[in-house]
Amino acid sequence: MEIINITETKATPSIVLDIDSGTFEIKGCSRPENVREFFMPVINWFEGAIENADTIKDKYSNDSVLNFDFKLSYFNSASAKFILDILLYINQLHQKGINIKINWHYEEGDEDMRDVGEELAEMVDFEFRYNVMKE
């Protein structure tokens, strides 16, 4: 599968989706001017991943874990919809037998971001781990 590697800007997070290296990360601030345009390559990638779930399953099943890191410092409500969509795609991959864990990172003292992670975790059926990022 193709690699998604989007560079972080002041308004958009970095996003890396790389099956071969096992790097899956969204990091930074998400408040893009055109949120749909920004996230569509990511949504398309996940649609392709669903279609190729058997290939991914061969790599990430049983003892091998696909760790997906969310390291968001802020995201607006428009981004929240796409983040939920991403989690629902990840949930579909999990349901196909791919061993997935979400690492939800939040800045020390930012209990709101932890709460958002907990709310999102209720919408999927795989494990979330919460990690405090120290500045």
C-alpha atoms as a PDB file:
ATOM      1  CA  MET A   1       0.000   0.000   0.000  1.00  0.00           C
ATOM      2  CA  GLU A   2       1.080   3.557  -0.591  1.00  0.00           C
ATOM      3  CA  ILE A   3       2.552   5.534   2.267  1.00  0.00           C
ATOM      4  CA  ILE A   4       0.812   8.639   3.552  1.00  0.00           C
ATOM      5  CA  ASN A   5       3.304  11.172   4.899  1.00  0.00           C
ATOM      6  CA  ILE A   6       1.818  14.632   5.456  1.00  0.00           C
ATOM      7  CA  THR A   7       4.016  17.320   6.991  1.00  0.00           C
ATOM      8  CA  GLU A   8       2.726  19.296   9.968  1.00  0.00           C
ATOM      9  CA  THR A   9       1.872  22.988   9.566  1.00  0.00           C
ATOM     10  CA  LYS A  10       0.481  25.537  12.018  1.00  0.00           C
ATOM     11  CA  ALA A  11      -3.064  24.483  11.066  1.00  0.00           C
ATOM     12  CA  THR A  12      -2.653  20.821  10.115  1.00  0.00           C
ATOM     13  CA  PRO A  13      -1.222  17.765  11.835  1.00  0.00           C
ATOM     14  CA  SER A  14       1.479  15.510  10.508  1.00  0.00           C
ATOM     15  CA  ILE A  15       0.040  12.183   9.431  1.00  0.00           C
ATOM     16  CA  VAL A  16       2.061   9.054   8.734  1.00  0.00           C
ATOM     17  CA  LEU A  17       0.425   5.815   7.615  1.00  0.00           C
ATOM     18  CA  ASP A  18       3.039   3.228   6.666  1.00  0.00           C
ATOM     19  CA  ILE A  19       2.181  -0.473   6.780  1.00  0.00           C
ATOM     20  CA  ASP A  20       5.748  -1.621   6.043  1.00  0.00           C
ATOM     21  CA  SER A  21       7.473   0.348   8.798  1.00  0.00           C
ATOM     22  CA  GLY A  22       4.570   0.011  11.229  1.00  0.00           C
ATOM     23  CA  THR A  23       4.313   3.785  11.685  1.00  0.00           C
ATOM     24  CA  PHE A  24       0.795   5.102  12.219  1.00  0.00           C
ATOM     25  CA  GLU A  25       0.615   8.567  13.737  1.00  0.00           C
ATOM     26  CA  ILE A  26      -1.406  11.774  13.734  1.00  0.00           C
ATOM     27  CA  LYS A  27       0.427  14.568  15.536  1.00  0.00           C
ATOM     28  CA  GLY A  28      -0.103  18.277  16.107  1.00  0.00           C
ATOM     29  CA  CYS A  29      -2.918  20.762  15.765  1.00  0.00           C
ATOM     30  CA  SER A  30      -5.840  20.089  13.417  1.00  0.00           C
ATOM     31  CA  ARG A  31      -7.793  23.102  12.257  1.00  0.00           C
ATOM     32  CA  PRO A  32      -7.383  23.049   8.474  1.00  0.00           C
ATOM     33  CA  GLU A  33      -9.166  25.651   6.400  1.00  0.00           C
ATOM     34  CA  ASN A  34     -10.661  22.937   4.188  1.00  0.00           C
ATOM     35  CA  VAL A  35     -10.910  19.941   6.498  1.00  0.00           C
ATOM     36  CA  ARG A  36     -12.473  17.627   3.904  1.00  0.00           C
ATOM     37  CA  GLU A  37      -9.737  18.315   1.358  1.00  0.00           C
ATOM     38  CA  PHE A  38      -7.050  17.780   3.991  1.00  0.00           C
ATOM     39  CA  PHE A  39      -8.406  14.459   5.308  1.00  0.00           C
ATOM     40  CA  MET A  40      -9.600  12.857   2.040  1.00  0.00           C
ATOM     41  CA  PRO A  41      -6.224  11.227   1.187  1.00  0.00           C
ATOM     42  CA  VAL A  42      -6.288   9.672   4.674  1.00  0.00           C
ATOM     43  CA  ILE A  43      -9.886   8.462   4.272  1.00  0.00           C
ATOM     44  CA  ASN A  44      -9.007   7.037   0.843  1.00  0.00           C
ATOM     45  CA  TRP A  45      -5.985   5.278   2.365  1.00  0.00           C
ATOM     46  CA  PHE A  46      -8.186   3.637   4.991  1.00  0.00           C
ATOM     47  CA  GLU A  47     -10.722   2.555   2.375  1.00  0.00           C
ATOM     48  CA  GLY A  48      -7.840   0.866   0.546  1.00  0.00           C
ATOM     49  CA  ALA A  49      -6.659  -0.676   3.812  1.00  0.00           C
ATOM     50  CA  ILE A  50     -10.115  -2.192   4.358  1.00  0.00           C
ATOM     51  CA  GLU A  51      -9.961  -3.687   0.851  1.00  0.00           C
ATOM     52  CA  ASN A  52      -6.473  -5.093   1.602  1.00  0.00           C
ATOM     53  CA  ALA A  53      -7.212  -6.173   5.163  1.00  0.00           C
ATOM     54  CA  ASP A  54      -5.988  -9.732   4.553  1.00  0.00           C
ATOM     55  CA  THR A  55      -2.521  -8.474   3.617  1.00  0.00           C
ATOM     56  CA  ILE A  56      -2.410  -6.236   6.680  1.00  0.00           C
ATOM     57  CA  LYS A  57      -3.763  -9.064   8.851  1.00  0.00           C
ATOM     58  CA  ASP A  58      -0.840 -11.262   7.815  1.00  0.00           C
ATOM     59  CA  LYS A  59       1.485  -8.680   9.355  1.00  0.00           C
ATOM     60  CA  TYR A  60      -0.564  -7.524  12.369  1.00  0.00           C
ATOM     61  CA  SER A  61      -2.292 -10.460  13.985  1.00  0.00           C
ATOM     62  CA  ASN A  62      -1.704 -12.543  17.089  1.00  0.00           C
ATOM     63  CA  ASP A  63       1.564 -11.334  18.678  1.00  0.00           C
ATOM     64  CA  SER A  64       2.228  -8.444  16.299  1.00  0.00           C
ATOM     65  CA  VAL A  65       0.418  -5.235  17.204  1.00  0.00           C
ATOM     66  CA  LEU A  66      -0.408  -2.264  15.011  1.00  0.00           C
ATOM     67  CA  ASN A  67       0.066   0.732  17.314  1.00  0.00           C
ATOM     68  CA  PHE A  68      -1.666   3.904  16.185  1.00  0.00           C
ATOM     69  CA  ASP A  69      -0.477   7.071  17.936  1.00  0.00           C
ATOM     70  CA  PHE A  70      -2.722  10.102  18.288  1.00  0.00           C
ATOM     71  CA  LYS A  71      -0.652  13.043  19.565  1.00  0.00           C
ATOM     72  CA  LEU A  72      -3.048  15.905  19.021  1.00  0.00           C
ATOM     73  CA  SER A  73      -2.624  19.142  20.898  1.00  0.00           C
ATOM     74  CA  TYR A  74      -5.896  20.543  19.541  1.00  0.00           C
ATOM     75  CA  PHE A  75      -8.550  19.750  16.951  1.00  0.00           C
ATOM     76  CA  ASN A  76     -11.630  21.688  15.926  1.00  0.00           C
ATOM     77  CA  SER A  77     -15.115  20.236  15.591  1.00  0.00           C
ATOM     78  CA  ALA A  78     -14.778  19.768  11.820  1.00  0.00           C
ATOM     79  CA  SER A  79     -11.608  17.719  12.374  1.00  0.00           C
ATOM     80  CA  ALA A  80     -13.337  15.733  15.128  1.00  0.00           C
ATOM     81  CA  LYS A  81     -15.714  14.221  12.570  1.00  0.00           C
ATOM     82  CA  PHE A  82     -12.799  12.978  10.466  1.00  0.00           C
ATOM     83  CA  ILE A  83     -10.916  11.709  13.513  1.00  0.00           C
ATOM     84  CA  LEU A  84     -14.003   9.702  14.441  1.00  0.00           C
ATOM     85  CA  ASP A  85     -14.205   8.421  10.846  1.00  0.00           C
ATOM     86  CA  ILE A  86     -10.566   7.316  11.077  1.00  0.00           C
ATOM     87  CA  LEU A  87     -11.271   5.493  14.336  1.00  0.00           C
ATOM     88  CA  LEU A  88     -14.286   3.780  12.754  1.00  0.00           C
ATOM     89  CA  TYR A  89     -12.074   2.602   9.869  1.00  0.00           C
ATOM     90  CA  ILE A  90      -9.523   1.363  12.391  1.00  0.00           C
ATOM     91  CA  ASN A  91     -12.379  -0.426  14.154  1.00  0.00           C
ATOM     92  CA  GLN A  92     -13.290  -2.186  10.890  1.00  0.00           C
ATOM     93  CA  LEU A  93      -9.683  -3.338  10.515  1.00  0.00           C
ATOM     94  CA  HIS A  94      -9.770  -4.600  14.105  1.00  0.00           C
ATOM     95  CA  GLN A  95     -12.966  -6.518  13.381  1.00  0.00           C
ATOM     96  CA  LYS A  96     -11.173  -8.208  10.470  1.00  0.00           C
ATOM     97  CA  GLY A  97      -8.661  -9.676  12.924  1.00  0.00           C
ATOM     98  CA  ILE A  98      -5.923  -7.054  12.880  1.00  0.00           C
ATOM     99  CA  ASN A  99      -4.443  -6.543  16.339  1.00  0.00           C
ATOM    100  CA  ILE A 100      -4.712  -2.767  16.881  1.00  0.00           C
ATOM    101  CA  LYS A 101      -4.030  -0.562  19.879  1.00  0.00           C
ATOM    102  CA  ILE A 102      -4.594   3.183  20.075  1.00  0.00           C
ATOM    103  CA  ASN A 103      -2.079   5.262  21.999  1.00  0.00           C
ATOM    104  CA  TRP A 104      -3.897   8.489  22.884  1.00  0.00           C
ATOM    105  CA  HIS A 105      -1.267  11.008  23.933  1.00  0.00           C
ATOM    106  CA  TYR A 106      -2.218  14.237  25.652  1.00  0.00           C
ATOM    107  CA  GLU A 107      -0.259  17.062  27.196  1.00  0.00           C
ATOM    108  CA  GLU A 108       0.258  17.063  30.934  1.00  0.00           C
ATOM    109  CA  GLY A 109      -2.668  18.888  32.551  1.00  0.00           C
ATOM    110  CA  ASP A 110      -4.880  18.707  29.441  1.00  0.00           C
ATOM    111  CA  GLU A 111      -7.655  16.600  30.936  1.00  0.00           C
ATOM    112  CA  ASP A 112     -10.056  17.809  28.219  1.00  0.00           C
ATOM    113  CA  MET A 113      -7.997  16.006  25.567  1.00  0.00           C
ATOM    114  CA  ARG A 114      -7.931  12.861  27.701  1.00  0.00           C
ATOM    115  CA  ASP A 115     -11.719  13.114  28.120  1.00  0.00           C
ATOM    116  CA  VAL A 116     -12.147  13.391  24.357  1.00  0.00           C
ATOM    117  CA  GLY A 117     -10.043  10.236  23.944  1.00  0.00           C
ATOM    118  CA  GLU A 118     -12.214   8.429  26.481  1.00  0.00           C
ATOM    119  CA  GLU A 119     -15.373   9.514  24.659  1.00  0.00           C
ATOM    120  CA  LEU A 120     -13.984   8.325  21.328  1.00  0.00           C
ATOM    121  CA  ALA A 121     -12.897   5.014  22.891  1.00  0.00           C
ATOM    122  CA  GLU A 122     -16.532   4.296  23.757  1.00  0.00           C
ATOM    123  CA  MET A 123     -17.374   4.239  20.027  1.00  0.00           C
ATOM    124  CA  VAL A 124     -14.953   1.446  19.088  1.00  0.00           C
ATOM    125  CA  ASP A 125     -14.186  -2.031  20.381  1.00  0.00           C
ATOM    126  CA  PHE A 126     -10.431  -2.061  20.828  1.00  0.00           C
ATOM    127  CA  GLU A 127      -8.025  -0.876  23.465  1.00  0.00           C
ATOM    128  CA  PHE A 128      -7.033   2.744  24.016  1.00  0.00           C
ATOM    129  CA  ARG A 129      -3.953   3.525  26.076  1.00  0.00           C
ATOM    130  CA  TYR A 130      -3.573   6.989  27.552  1.00  0.00           C
ATOM    131  CA  ASN A 131      -0.132   8.550  27.753  1.00  0.00           C
ATOM    132  CA  VAL A 132       0.830  11.898  29.236  1.00  0.00           C
ATOM    133  CA  MET A 133       3.273  13.916  27.119  1.00  0.00           C
ATOM    134  CA  LYS A 134       5.530  16.051  29.255  1.00  0.00           C
ATOM    135  CA  GLU A 135       6.588  19.343  27.731  1.00  0.00           C
END
